[in-house]
């Protein structure tokens, strides 16, 4: 079985999650740090591996 990258559409909004406090936001580009705790956010569609 071959791994494949998730589909990416530049104009779409994605859900980003803070791995420290769990805050989630929807944004069209990477939001940077969490507004609540300052930790870097990650796109929830990307695997945590």
N, C-alpha and C. Protein backbone atom coordinates (compact mmCIF):
# COMPACT_ATOMS: atom_id res chain seq x y z
N UNK A 1 0.84 -1.18 0.00
CA UNK A 1 0.00 0.00 0.00
C UNK A 1 0.88 1.24 0.00
N UNK A 2 0.53 2.21 -0.81
CA UNK A 2 1.33 3.41 -0.93
C UNK A 2 0.68 4.57 -0.18
N UNK A 3 1.49 5.30 0.60
CA UNK A 3 0.99 6.49 1.30
C UNK A 3 0.82 7.61 0.30
N UNK A 4 -0.11 8.49 0.53
CA UNK A 4 -0.26 9.65 -0.33
C UNK A 4 -0.56 10.87 0.52
N UNK A 5 -0.18 12.01 0.02
CA UNK A 5 -0.41 13.25 0.73
C UNK A 5 -1.88 13.63 0.63
N UNK A 6 -2.41 14.31 1.67
CA UNK A 6 -3.80 14.78 1.57
C UNK A 6 -3.92 15.82 0.46
N UNK A 7 -5.10 15.90 -0.13
CA UNK A 7 -5.34 16.91 -1.16
C UNK A 7 -5.22 18.30 -0.56
N UNK A 8 -4.72 19.24 -1.34
CA UNK A 8 -4.54 20.61 -0.88
C UNK A 8 -5.13 21.55 -1.90
N UNK A 9 -5.98 22.45 -1.45
CA UNK A 9 -6.56 23.46 -2.32
C UNK A 9 -6.27 24.82 -1.70
N UNK A 10 -5.48 25.64 -2.39
CA UNK A 10 -4.99 26.90 -1.84
C UNK A 10 -6.10 27.88 -1.47
N UNK A 11 -7.23 27.85 -2.17
CA UNK A 11 -8.29 28.82 -1.91
C UNK A 11 -9.26 28.37 -0.81
N UNK A 12 -9.13 27.15 -0.34
CA UNK A 12 -10.04 26.64 0.68
C UNK A 12 -9.59 27.02 2.08
N UNK A 13 -10.55 27.02 3.01
CA UNK A 13 -10.22 27.23 4.42
C UNK A 13 -10.04 25.86 5.07
N UNK A 14 -9.10 25.78 5.98
CA UNK A 14 -8.83 24.54 6.67
C UNK A 14 -8.94 24.76 8.17
N UNK A 15 -9.11 23.68 8.90
CA UNK A 15 -9.19 23.77 10.35
C UNK A 15 -7.80 23.54 10.94
N UNK A 16 -7.38 24.46 11.79
CA UNK A 16 -6.09 24.38 12.46
C UNK A 16 -6.34 24.18 13.94
N UNK A 17 -5.45 23.42 14.59
CA UNK A 17 -5.62 23.05 15.99
C UNK A 17 -4.34 23.30 16.77
N UNK A 18 -4.49 23.80 17.98
CA UNK A 18 -3.37 23.96 18.89
C UNK A 18 -3.19 22.64 19.64
N UNK A 19 -2.01 22.05 19.55
CA UNK A 19 -1.78 20.77 20.23
C UNK A 19 -1.56 20.94 21.73
N UNK A 20 -1.37 22.17 22.18
CA UNK A 20 -1.17 22.43 23.60
C UNK A 20 -2.50 22.58 24.34
N UNK A 21 -3.38 23.46 23.86
CA UNK A 21 -4.62 23.74 24.60
C UNK A 21 -5.88 23.28 23.88
N UNK A 22 -5.78 22.86 22.61
CA UNK A 22 -6.93 22.32 21.88
C UNK A 22 -7.78 23.34 21.14
N UNK A 23 -7.40 24.61 21.16
CA UNK A 23 -8.14 25.64 20.43
C UNK A 23 -8.13 25.33 18.94
N UNK A 24 -9.27 25.50 18.26
CA UNK A 24 -9.34 25.28 16.82
C UNK A 24 -9.80 26.56 16.13
N UNK A 25 -9.30 26.80 14.92
CA UNK A 25 -9.70 27.94 14.10
C UNK A 25 -9.79 27.50 12.65
N UNK A 26 -10.62 28.18 11.87
CA UNK A 26 -10.71 27.96 10.43
C UNK A 26 -10.01 29.13 9.77
N UNK A 27 -9.08 28.84 8.85
CA UNK A 27 -8.33 29.90 8.19
C UNK A 27 -7.92 29.45 6.79
N UNK A 28 -7.70 30.44 5.91
CA UNK A 28 -7.28 30.17 4.54
C UNK A 28 -5.78 29.95 4.42
N UNK A 29 -5.02 30.39 5.44
CA UNK A 29 -3.58 30.17 5.46
C UNK A 29 -3.18 29.90 6.91
N UNK A 30 -1.96 29.42 7.10
CA UNK A 30 -1.52 29.04 8.44
C UNK A 30 -1.62 30.22 9.39
N UNK A 31 -2.34 30.06 10.52
CA UNK A 31 -2.56 31.18 11.43
C UNK A 31 -1.37 31.51 12.33
N UNK A 32 -0.32 30.69 12.29
CA UNK A 32 0.85 30.96 13.14
C UNK A 32 0.63 30.42 14.54
N UNK A 33 0.68 31.28 15.55
CA UNK A 33 0.54 30.85 16.93
C UNK A 33 -0.90 30.92 17.42
N UNK A 34 -1.18 30.14 18.43
CA UNK A 34 -2.49 30.10 19.07
C UNK A 34 -2.74 31.42 19.80
N UNK A 35 -3.94 31.97 19.65
CA UNK A 35 -4.29 33.21 20.34
C UNK A 35 -4.39 33.02 21.85
N UNK A 36 -4.69 31.80 22.30
CA UNK A 36 -4.86 31.54 23.72
C UNK A 36 -3.54 31.27 24.46
N UNK A 37 -2.64 30.50 23.83
CA UNK A 37 -1.43 30.11 24.56
C UNK A 37 -0.12 30.38 23.82
N UNK A 38 -0.19 30.75 22.51
CA UNK A 38 1.00 31.08 21.75
C UNK A 38 1.71 29.92 21.08
N UNK A 39 1.24 28.70 21.30
CA UNK A 39 1.85 27.52 20.68
C UNK A 39 1.52 27.48 19.19
N UNK A 40 2.41 26.93 18.38
CA UNK A 40 2.18 26.82 16.94
C UNK A 40 0.98 25.93 16.66
N UNK A 41 0.16 26.34 15.69
CA UNK A 41 -1.02 25.58 15.29
C UNK A 41 -0.63 24.59 14.20
N UNK A 42 -1.44 23.54 14.02
CA UNK A 42 -1.20 22.57 12.95
C UNK A 42 -2.50 22.34 12.20
N UNK A 43 -2.37 22.04 10.91
CA UNK A 43 -3.52 21.72 10.07
C UNK A 43 -4.04 20.36 10.51
N UNK A 44 -5.31 20.27 10.86
CA UNK A 44 -5.88 19.01 11.35
C UNK A 44 -5.94 17.92 10.29
N UNK A 45 -5.83 18.26 9.00
CA UNK A 45 -5.85 17.25 7.94
C UNK A 45 -4.51 16.54 7.79
N UNK A 46 -3.46 17.06 8.38
CA UNK A 46 -2.14 16.46 8.26
C UNK A 46 -1.93 15.44 9.40
N UNK A 47 -1.34 14.30 9.09
CA UNK A 47 -1.10 13.30 10.14
C UNK A 47 -0.07 13.81 11.16
N UNK A 48 -0.16 13.32 12.37
CA UNK A 48 0.73 13.73 13.46
C UNK A 48 2.03 12.95 13.48
N UNK A 49 2.26 12.09 12.53
CA UNK A 49 3.44 11.23 12.54
C UNK A 49 4.71 12.00 12.40
